[in-house]
PDB file of all heavy atoms in Angstrom:
ATOM      1  N   GLU A   1       1.870 -24.622   7.597  1.00  0.00           N
ATOM      2  CA  GLU A   1       2.932 -23.840   8.212  1.00  0.00           C
ATOM      3  C   GLU A   1       2.240 -22.784   9.066  1.00  0.00           C
ATOM      4  O   GLU A   1       1.424 -22.018   8.556  1.00  0.00           O
ATOM      5  CB  GLU A   1       3.801 -23.220   7.113  1.00  0.00           C
ATOM      6  CG  GLU A   1       5.177 -22.786   7.569  1.00  0.00           C
ATOM      7  CD  GLU A   1       5.139 -21.534   8.420  1.00  0.00           C
ATOM      8  OE1 GLU A   1       4.492 -20.559   8.013  1.00  0.00           O
ATOM      9  OE2 GLU A   1       5.738 -21.555   9.508  1.00  0.00           O
ATOM     10  N   PRO A   2       2.481 -22.752  10.366  1.00  0.00           N
ATOM     11  CA  PRO A   2       1.723 -21.873  11.256  1.00  0.00           C
ATOM     12  C   PRO A   2       1.746 -20.391  10.884  1.00  0.00           C
ATOM     13  O   PRO A   2       0.722 -19.713  10.969  1.00  0.00           O
ATOM     14  CB  PRO A   2       2.367 -22.098  12.625  1.00  0.00           C
ATOM     15  CG  PRO A   2       2.943 -23.467  12.550  1.00  0.00           C
ATOM     16  CD  PRO A   2       3.396 -23.622  11.123  1.00  0.00           C
ATOM     17  N   THR A   3       2.894 -19.871  10.466  1.00  0.00           N
ATOM     18  CA  THR A   3       2.986 -18.448  10.123  1.00  0.00           C
ATOM     19  C   THR A   3       2.089 -18.128   8.936  1.00  0.00           C
ATOM     20  O   THR A   3       1.373 -17.123   8.928  1.00  0.00           O
ATOM     21  CB  THR A   3       4.451 -18.057   9.813  1.00  0.00           C
ATOM     22  OG1 THR A   3       5.248 -18.393  10.949  1.00  0.00           O
ATOM     23  CG2 THR A   3       4.579 -16.583   9.509  1.00  0.00           C
ATOM     24  N   GLU A   4       2.092 -18.995   7.941  1.00  0.00           N
ATOM     25  CA  GLU A   4       1.257 -18.792   6.749  1.00  0.00           C
ATOM     26  C   GLU A   4      -0.219 -18.923   7.097  1.00  0.00           C
ATOM     27  O   GLU A   4      -1.054 -18.145   6.638  1.00  0.00           O
ATOM     28  CB  GLU A   4       1.672 -19.806   5.668  1.00  0.00           C
ATOM     29  CG  GLU A   4       0.974 -19.635   4.339  1.00  0.00           C
ATOM     30  CD  GLU A   4      -0.303 -20.463   4.236  1.00  0.00           C
ATOM     31  OE1 GLU A   4      -0.403 -21.508   4.917  1.00  0.00           O
ATOM     32  OE2 GLU A   4      -1.208 -20.043   3.480  1.00  0.00           O
ATOM     33  N   LEU A   5      -0.566 -19.889   7.941  1.00  0.00           N
ATOM     34  CA  LEU A   5      -1.952 -20.081   8.360  1.00  0.00           C
ATOM     35  C   LEU A   5      -2.447 -18.855   9.137  1.00  0.00           C
ATOM     36  O   LEU A   5      -3.545 -18.345   8.876  1.00  0.00           O
ATOM     37  CB  LEU A   5      -2.077 -21.354   9.207  1.00  0.00           C
ATOM     38  CG  LEU A   5      -3.455 -21.704   9.750  1.00  0.00           C
ATOM     39  CD1 LEU A   5      -4.487 -21.833   8.648  1.00  0.00           C
ATOM     40  CD2 LEU A   5      -3.370 -22.999  10.560  1.00  0.00           C
ATOM     41  N   ALA A   6      -1.638 -18.340  10.053  1.00  0.00           N
ATOM     42  CA  ALA A   6      -2.016 -17.141  10.811  1.00  0.00           C
ATOM     43  C   ALA A   6      -2.198 -15.947   9.880  1.00  0.00           C
ATOM     44  O   ALA A   6      -3.131 -15.154  10.055  1.00  0.00           O
ATOM     45  CB  ALA A   6      -0.971 -16.837  11.884  1.00  0.00           C
ATOM     46  N   ALA A   7      -1.341 -15.814   8.888  1.00  0.00           N
ATOM     47  CA  ALA A   7      -1.462 -14.701   7.934  1.00  0.00           C
ATOM     48  C   ALA A   7      -2.758 -14.805   7.131  1.00  0.00           C
ATOM     49  O   ALA A   7      -3.432 -13.793   6.898  1.00  0.00           O
ATOM     50  CB  ALA A   7      -0.253 -14.676   7.002  1.00  0.00           C
ATOM     51  N   ARG A   8      -3.123 -16.016   6.715  1.00  0.00           N
ATOM     52  CA  ARG A   8      -4.390 -16.187   5.987  1.00  0.00           C
ATOM     53  C   ARG A   8      -5.593 -15.879   6.873  1.00  0.00           C
ATOM     54  O   ARG A   8      -6.573 -15.297   6.421  1.00  0.00           O
ATOM     55  CB  ARG A   8      -4.498 -17.611   5.425  1.00  0.00           C
ATOM     56  CG  ARG A   8      -3.576 -17.855   4.241  1.00  0.00           C
ATOM     57  CD  ARG A   8      -3.858 -19.157   3.512  1.00  0.00           C
ATOM     58  NE  ARG A   8      -3.589 -20.316   4.344  1.00  0.00           N
ATOM     59  CZ  ARG A   8      -4.430 -21.326   4.555  1.00  0.00           C
ATOM     60  NH1 ARG A   8      -5.617 -21.356   3.984  1.00  0.00           N
ATOM     61  NH2 ARG A   8      -4.092 -22.347   5.316  1.00  0.00           N
ATOM     62  N   MET A   9      -5.497 -16.239   8.145  1.00  0.00           N
ATOM     63  CA  MET A   9      -6.574 -15.922   9.081  1.00  0.00           C
ATOM     64  C   MET A   9      -6.715 -14.408   9.219  1.00  0.00           C
ATOM     65  O   MET A   9      -7.827 -13.866   9.144  1.00  0.00           O
ATOM     66  CB  MET A   9      -6.292 -16.571  10.442  1.00  0.00           C
ATOM     67  CG  MET A   9      -6.394 -18.087  10.425  1.00  0.00           C
ATOM     68  SD  MET A   9      -5.633 -18.907  11.861  1.00  0.00           S
ATOM     69  CE  MET A   9      -6.463 -18.142  13.220  1.00  0.00           C
ATOM     70  N   ARG A  10      -5.587 -13.717   9.410  1.00  0.00           N
ATOM     71  CA  ARG A  10      -5.623 -12.248   9.536  1.00  0.00           C
ATOM     72  C   ARG A  10      -6.221 -11.613   8.290  1.00  0.00           C
ATOM     73  O   ARG A  10      -7.055 -10.706   8.386  1.00  0.00           O
ATOM     74  CB  ARG A  10      -4.214 -11.703   9.760  1.00  0.00           C
ATOM     75  CG  ARG A  10      -3.774 -11.723  11.172  1.00  0.00           C
ATOM     76  CD  ARG A  10      -2.451 -10.975  11.371  1.00  0.00           C
ATOM     77  NE  ARG A  10      -1.749 -11.630  12.443  1.00  0.00           N
ATOM     78  CZ  ARG A  10      -0.798 -12.544  12.281  1.00  0.00           C
ATOM     79  NH1 ARG A  10      -0.378 -12.888  11.101  1.00  0.00           N
ATOM     80  NH2 ARG A  10      -0.235 -13.097  13.342  1.00  0.00           N
ATOM     81  N   ALA A  11      -5.782 -12.054   7.120  1.00  0.00           N
ATOM     82  CA  ALA A  11      -6.285 -11.478   5.862  1.00  0.00           C
ATOM     83  C   ALA A  11      -7.794 -11.678   5.737  1.00  0.00           C
ATOM     84  O   ALA A  11      -8.511 -10.774   5.281  1.00  0.00           O
ATOM     85  CB  ALA A  11      -5.553 -12.097   4.669  1.00  0.00           C
ATOM     86  N   HIS A  12      -8.279 -12.834   6.142  1.00  0.00           N
ATOM     87  CA  HIS A  12      -9.719 -13.088   6.076  1.00  0.00           C
ATOM     88  C   HIS A  12     -10.485 -12.144   6.998  1.00  0.00           C
ATOM     89  O   HIS A  12     -11.506 -11.567   6.602  1.00  0.00           O
ATOM     90  CB  HIS A  12     -10.030 -14.545   6.425  1.00  0.00           C
ATOM     91  CG  HIS A  12     -11.496 -14.816   6.506  1.00  0.00           C
ATOM     92  ND1 HIS A  12     -12.292 -14.852   5.378  1.00  0.00           N
ATOM     93  CD2 HIS A  12     -12.323 -15.013   7.566  1.00  0.00           C
ATOM     94  CE1 HIS A  12     -13.550 -15.067   5.744  1.00  0.00           C
ATOM     95  NE2 HIS A  12     -13.592 -15.172   7.069  1.00  0.00           N
ATOM     96  N   VAL A  13     -10.010 -11.995   8.216  1.00  0.00           N
ATOM     97  CA  VAL A  13     -10.691 -11.116   9.174  1.00  0.00           C
ATOM     98  C   VAL A  13     -10.698  -9.680   8.655  1.00  0.00           C
ATOM     99  O   VAL A  13     -11.727  -8.999   8.701  1.00  0.00           O
ATOM    100  CB  VAL A  13     -10.043 -11.214  10.574  1.00  0.00           C
ATOM    101  CG1 VAL A  13     -10.610 -10.156  11.518  1.00  0.00           C
ATOM    102  CG2 VAL A  13     -10.244 -12.609  11.155  1.00  0.00           C
ATOM    103  N   VAL A  14      -9.581  -9.218   8.145  1.00  0.00           N
ATOM    104  CA  VAL A  14      -9.505  -7.851   7.600  1.00  0.00           C
ATOM    105  C   VAL A  14     -10.509  -7.680   6.466  1.00  0.00           C
ATOM    106  O   VAL A  14     -11.243  -6.690   6.413  1.00  0.00           O
ATOM    107  CB  VAL A  14      -8.060  -7.524   7.142  1.00  0.00           C
ATOM    108  CG1 VAL A  14      -8.019  -6.263   6.293  1.00  0.00           C
ATOM    109  CG2 VAL A  14      -7.142  -7.389   8.350  1.00  0.00           C
ATOM    110  N   ALA A  15     -10.564  -8.635   5.547  1.00  0.00           N
ATOM    111  CA  ALA A  15     -11.496  -8.540   4.412  1.00  0.00           C
ATOM    112  C   ALA A  15     -12.951  -8.561   4.880  1.00  0.00           C
ATOM    113  O   ALA A  15     -13.776  -7.771   4.396  1.00  0.00           O
ATOM    114  CB  ALA A  15     -11.240  -9.673   3.417  1.00  0.00           C
ATOM    115  N   GLN A  16     -13.279  -9.447   5.814  1.00  0.00           N
ATOM    116  CA  GLN A  16     -14.648  -9.517   6.320  1.00  0.00           C
ATOM    117  C   GLN A  16     -15.043  -8.204   6.999  1.00  0.00           C
ATOM    118  O   GLN A  16     -16.115  -7.659   6.750  1.00  0.00           O
ATOM    119  CB  GLN A  16     -14.802 -10.673   7.312  1.00  0.00           C
ATOM    120  CG  GLN A  16     -14.789 -12.050   6.690  1.00  0.00           C
ATOM    121  CD  GLN A  16     -15.975 -12.320   5.806  1.00  0.00           C
ATOM    122  OE1 GLN A  16     -15.856 -12.388   4.592  1.00  0.00           O
ATOM    123  NE2 GLN A  16     -17.134 -12.446   6.408  1.00  0.00           N
ATOM    124  N   HIS A  17     -14.178  -7.715   7.864  1.00  0.00           N
ATOM    125  CA  HIS A  17     -14.484  -6.497   8.602  1.00  0.00           C
ATOM    126  C   HIS A  17     -14.542  -5.280   7.685  1.00  0.00           C
ATOM    127  O   HIS A  17     -15.380  -4.394   7.884  1.00  0.00           O
ATOM    128  CB  HIS A  17     -13.493  -6.305   9.741  1.00  0.00           C
ATOM    129  CG  HIS A  17     -13.702  -7.271  10.862  1.00  0.00           C
ATOM    130  ND1 HIS A  17     -12.938  -7.257  11.996  1.00  0.00           N
ATOM    131  CD2 HIS A  17     -14.586  -8.294  11.038  1.00  0.00           C
ATOM    132  CE1 HIS A  17     -13.337  -8.207  12.824  1.00  0.00           C
ATOM    133  NE2 HIS A  17     -14.331  -8.861  12.253  1.00  0.00           N
ATOM    134  N   ALA A  18     -13.687  -5.238   6.659  1.00  0.00           N
ATOM    135  CA  ALA A  18     -13.733  -4.129   5.697  1.00  0.00           C
ATOM    136  C   ALA A  18     -15.071  -4.093   4.964  1.00  0.00           C
ATOM    137  O   ALA A  18     -15.563  -3.018   4.604  1.00  0.00           O
ATOM    138  CB  ALA A  18     -12.578  -4.239   4.698  1.00  0.00           C
ATOM    139  N   ALA A  19     -15.667  -5.259   4.771  1.00  0.00           N
ATOM    140  CA  ALA A  19     -16.977  -5.343   4.110  1.00  0.00           C
ATOM    141  C   ALA A  19     -18.119  -5.144   5.112  1.00  0.00           C
ATOM    142  O   ALA A  19     -19.290  -5.199   4.731  1.00  0.00           O
ATOM    143  CB  ALA A  19     -17.119  -6.697   3.421  1.00  0.00           C
ATOM    144  N   GLY A  20     -17.775  -4.949   6.388  1.00  0.00           N
ATOM    145  CA  GLY A  20     -18.803  -4.776   7.416  1.00  0.00           C
ATOM    146  C   GLY A  20     -19.401  -6.077   7.902  1.00  0.00           C
ATOM    147  O   GLY A  20     -20.456  -6.086   8.538  1.00  0.00           O
ATOM    148  N   ASP A  21     -18.731  -7.192   7.607  1.00  0.00           N
ATOM    149  CA  ASP A  21     -19.245  -8.517   7.956  1.00  0.00           C
ATOM    150  C   ASP A  21     -18.466  -9.134   9.112  1.00  0.00           C
ATOM    151  O   ASP A  21     -17.277  -8.870   9.288  1.00  0.00           O
ATOM    152  CB  ASP A  21     -19.151  -9.459   6.746  1.00  0.00           C
ATOM    153  CG  ASP A  21     -20.022  -9.019   5.593  1.00  0.00           C
ATOM    154  OD1 ASP A  21     -21.089  -8.422   5.846  1.00  0.00           O
ATOM    155  OD2 ASP A  21     -19.630  -9.267   4.437  1.00  0.00           O
ATOM    156  N   ASP A  22     -19.150 -10.000   9.857  1.00  0.00           N
ATOM    157  CA  ASP A  22     -18.487 -10.776  10.896  1.00  0.00           C
ATOM    158  C   ASP A  22     -17.547 -11.791  10.252  1.00  0.00           C
ATOM    159  O   ASP A  22     -17.724 -12.178   9.086  1.00  0.00           O
ATOM    160  CB  ASP A  22     -19.514 -11.536  11.739  1.00  0.00           C
ATOM    161  CG  ASP A  22     -20.414 -10.617  12.541  1.00  0.00           C
ATOM    162  OD1 ASP A  22     -20.037  -9.449  12.771  1.00  0.00           O
ATOM    163  OD2 ASP A  22     -21.505 -11.071  12.937  1.00  0.00           O
ATOM    164  N   ALA A  23     -16.558 -12.233  11.016  1.00  0.00           N
ATOM    165  CA  ALA A  23     -15.655 -13.296  10.582  1.00  0.00           C
ATOM    166  C   ALA A  23     -15.834 -14.477  11.533  1.00  0.00           C
ATOM    167  O   ALA A  23     -15.731 -14.316  12.750  1.00  0.00           O
ATOM    168  CB  ALA A  23     -14.208 -12.823  10.597  1.00  0.00           C
ATOM    169  N   ILE A  24     -16.135 -15.636  10.965  1.00  0.00           N
ATOM    170  CA  ILE A  24     -16.261 -16.866  11.739  1.00  0.00           C
ATOM    171  C   ILE A  24     -15.217 -17.834  11.192  1.00  0.00           C
ATOM    172  O   ILE A  24     -15.361 -18.374  10.091  1.00  0.00           O
ATOM    173  CB  ILE A  24     -17.672 -17.473  11.639  1.00  0.00           C
ATOM    174  CG1 ILE A  24     -18.727 -16.442  12.048  1.00  0.00           C
ATOM    175  CG2 ILE A  24     -17.763 -18.737  12.498  1.00  0.00           C
ATOM    176  CD1 ILE A  24     -20.147 -16.861  11.724  1.00  0.00           C
TER     177      ILE A  24
END
């Protein structure tokens, strides 16, 4: 489901960046 997939992508980027890490 595109909305759910986009939300998971956003959450991953936020978590990576909060840890000071790049998101790929």
